[in-house]
Protein backbone atom coordinates (compact mmCIF):
# COMPACT_ATOMS: atom_id res chain seq x y z
CA UNK A 1 65.71 9.88 -1.14
CA UNK A 2 64.02 12.68 -3.12
CA UNK A 3 61.75 10.12 -4.77
CA UNK A 4 60.66 8.75 -1.35
CA UNK A 5 59.87 12.26 -0.07
CA UNK A 6 57.97 12.99 -3.28
CA UNK A 7 56.00 9.71 -2.93
CA UNK A 8 55.16 10.43 0.73
CA UNK A 9 54.09 13.98 -0.18
CA UNK A 10 51.83 12.75 -3.00
CA UNK A 11 50.35 10.05 -0.73
CA UNK A 12 49.67 12.59 2.01
CA UNK A 13 48.03 14.96 -0.50
CA UNK A 14 45.81 12.16 -1.85
CA UNK A 15 44.80 11.12 1.70
CA UNK A 16 44.09 14.72 2.67
CA UNK A 17 42.01 15.18 -0.50
CA UNK A 18 39.97 12.05 0.25
CA UNK A 19 39.33 13.10 3.86
CA UNK A 20 38.34 16.59 2.69
CA UNK A 21 36.00 15.15 0.03
CA UNK A 22 34.40 12.87 2.64
CA UNK A 23 33.86 15.78 5.05
CA UNK A 24 32.45 18.03 2.32
CA UNK A 25 30.13 15.26 1.11
CA UNK A 26 29.00 14.61 4.69
CA UNK A 27 28.12 18.27 5.07
CA UNK A 28 26.47 18.74 1.67
CA UNK A 29 24.48 15.52 1.21
CA UNK A 30 21.11 16.02 2.93
CA UNK A 31 20.15 13.55 5.68
CA UNK A 32 16.45 13.88 4.80
CA UNK A 33 14.81 13.90 1.39
CA UNK A 34 11.24 13.82 0.18
CA UNK A 35 9.67 13.36 -3.24
CA UNK A 36 6.16 13.48 -4.64
CA UNK A 37 5.07 11.81 -7.85
CA UNK A 38 1.73 11.54 -9.63
CA UNK A 39 0.47 9.10 -12.22
CA UNK A 40 -2.82 8.58 -14.04
CA UNK A 41 -3.98 4.96 -13.98
CA UNK A 42 -6.81 3.62 -16.12
CA UNK A 43 -8.29 1.42 -13.38
CA UNK A 44 -10.54 1.67 -10.36
CA UNK A 45 -9.16 2.73 -7.00
CA UNK A 46 -10.09 -0.69 -5.62
CA UNK A 47 -8.01 -2.53 -8.24
CA UNK A 48 -4.99 -0.23 -7.73
CA UNK A 49 -5.13 -0.69 -3.95
CA UNK A 50 -5.40 -4.44 -4.51
CA UNK A 51 -2.12 -4.43 -6.43
CA UNK A 52 -0.42 -2.25 -3.79
CA UNK A 53 -1.59 -4.45 -0.91
CA UNK A 54 -0.93 -7.85 -2.53
CA UNK A 55 2.65 -8.17 -1.30
CA UNK A 56 2.93 -11.80 -2.40
CA UNK A 57 2.84 -10.62 -6.04
CA UNK A 58 5.34 -7.72 -5.77
CA UNK A 59 8.08 -9.77 -7.44
CA UNK A 60 5.88 -10.07 -10.56
CA UNK A 61 5.94 -6.35 -11.27
CA UNK A 62 8.90 -5.09 -9.26
CA UNK A 63 12.11 -6.63 -10.67
CA UNK A 64 14.35 -5.20 -7.92
CA UNK A 65 12.60 -7.36 -5.31
CA UNK A 66 13.93 -10.88 -4.86
CA UNK A 67 11.40 -12.05 -2.26
CA UNK A 68 8.74 -10.70 0.09
CA UNK A 69 8.21 -12.18 3.53
CA UNK A 70 4.77 -11.28 4.88
CA UNK A 71 4.94 -11.23 8.67
CA UNK A 72 1.33 -10.31 9.32
CA UNK A 73 -1.41 -8.10 7.90
CA UNK A 74 0.47 -4.89 8.79
CA UNK A 75 4.16 -5.89 8.45
CA UNK A 76 6.32 -7.33 5.69
CA UNK A 77 9.96 -7.53 4.60
CA UNK A 78 11.21 -6.95 1.06
CA UNK A 79 14.46 -8.69 0.16
CA UNK A 80 16.08 -6.72 -2.63
CA UNK A 81 18.26 -8.21 -5.36
CA UNK A 82 21.04 -5.65 -4.98
CA UNK A 83 21.13 -5.35 -1.19
CA UNK A 84 22.28 -7.54 1.66
CA UNK A 85 19.97 -5.68 4.04
CA UNK A 86 16.18 -6.12 3.70
CA UNK A 87 13.63 -3.31 3.73
CA UNK A 88 11.13 -3.68 6.59
CA UNK A 89 7.67 -2.19 6.11
CA UNK A 90 4.76 -1.46 8.46
CA UNK A 91 1.30 -0.24 7.60
CA UNK A 92 0.85 3.11 9.35
CA UNK A 93 -2.63 4.10 8.14
CA UNK A 94 -5.23 2.53 5.89
CA UNK A 95 -7.87 5.04 4.77
CA UNK A 96 -8.87 3.32 1.55
CA UNK A 97 -10.12 4.27 -0.94
CA UNK A 98 -8.57 7.72 -0.36
CA UNK A 99 -5.12 6.95 1.05
CA UNK A 100 -2.68 4.53 2.64
CA UNK A 101 0.64 5.05 4.47
CA UNK A 102 3.63 2.81 5.15
CA UNK A 103 6.71 3.26 7.27
CA UNK A 104 9.92 1.52 6.26
CA UNK A 105 13.46 1.00 7.46
CA UNK A 106 16.69 -0.64 6.41
CA UNK A 107 19.07 -1.43 9.23
CA UNK A 108 19.41 1.06 12.04
CA UNK A 109 20.23 4.15 10.00
CA UNK A 110 17.67 4.39 7.18
CA UNK A 111 14.01 5.20 7.91
CA UNK A 112 11.27 6.37 5.60
CA UNK A 113 7.59 7.02 5.08
CA UNK A 114 5.41 6.43 2.01
CA UNK A 115 1.96 7.89 1.49
CA UNK A 116 -0.31 7.13 -1.45
CA UNK A 117 -3.36 9.29 -2.15
CA UNK A 118 -5.93 8.38 -4.78
CA UNK A 119 -8.47 10.60 -6.51
CA UNK A 120 -10.95 9.66 -9.21
CA UNK A 121 -10.53 10.92 -12.76
CA UNK A 122 -12.71 10.58 -15.85
CA UNK A 123 -10.71 7.54 -17.01
CA UNK A 124 -9.68 5.95 -13.71
CA UNK A 125 -7.63 7.36 -10.85
CA UNK A 126 -4.71 9.65 -10.12
CA UNK A 127 -2.22 8.19 -7.65
CA UNK A 128 -0.06 10.72 -5.83
CA UNK A 129 2.75 9.28 -3.78
CA UNK A 130 4.93 11.10 -1.29
CA UNK A 131 8.04 9.28 -0.23
CA UNK A 132 10.55 10.60 2.23
CA UNK A 133 13.47 9.21 4.14
CA UNK A 134 15.97 10.10 6.85
CA UNK A 135 19.48 8.72 7.09
CA UNK A 136 21.52 8.61 10.29
CA UNK A 137 25.29 8.57 9.96
CA UNK A 138 27.62 10.22 7.47
CA UNK A 139 28.76 7.10 5.68
CA UNK A 140 25.21 5.86 5.07
CA UNK A 141 24.13 9.35 4.03
CA UNK A 142 26.97 9.61 1.51
CA UNK A 143 26.41 6.11 0.11
CA UNK A 144 22.67 6.64 -0.32
CA UNK A 145 23.27 10.08 -1.82
CA UNK A 146 25.72 8.61 -4.33
CA UNK A 147 23.98 5.36 -5.26
CA UNK A 148 20.23 5.69 -4.64
CA UNK A 149 17.90 8.04 -6.48
CA UNK A 150 14.62 7.82 -4.55
CA UNK A 151 12.81 10.12 -6.94
CA UNK A 152 13.58 7.87 -9.94
CA UNK A 153 12.79 4.78 -7.87
CA UNK A 154 9.40 6.22 -6.86
CA UNK A 155 8.54 7.19 -10.46
CA UNK A 156 9.51 3.72 -11.65
CA UNK A 157 7.50 2.08 -8.84
CA UNK A 158 4.43 4.17 -9.72
CA UNK A 159 4.67 3.39 -13.42
CA UNK A 160 4.74 -0.35 -12.77
């Protein structure tokens, strides 16, 4: 009987610890994050914008994308290799050659905004991107906080 009480006590302590960790993570993980990155590119602004806007070729230089479905000139869907849920994009503003902005979402609880700004340099252009997202719901917020590093993703995206 002592063993059963001990086992129940340990199980209750583990469950209480997990619930506490979930609540603490839900309070500490931010629902909104934003990152800025800059990269020098030895190319013209026109050629860089061409790469960014040619969605049909994203899979050639972005290995995390399985397929891109272009809906129309302003909307497209990226199907990612490691996600069941696609990322839906919409063109928000096109001020080329200076800047371009996209909105994106995944499901009902993940929404973001990307802005690219280009300035000329002596050897090409400097691309500054600002990427920010908002997550609704504790579980989604915790999962994205644990498994998705937007800053690294944005740096990797820029470098490619």
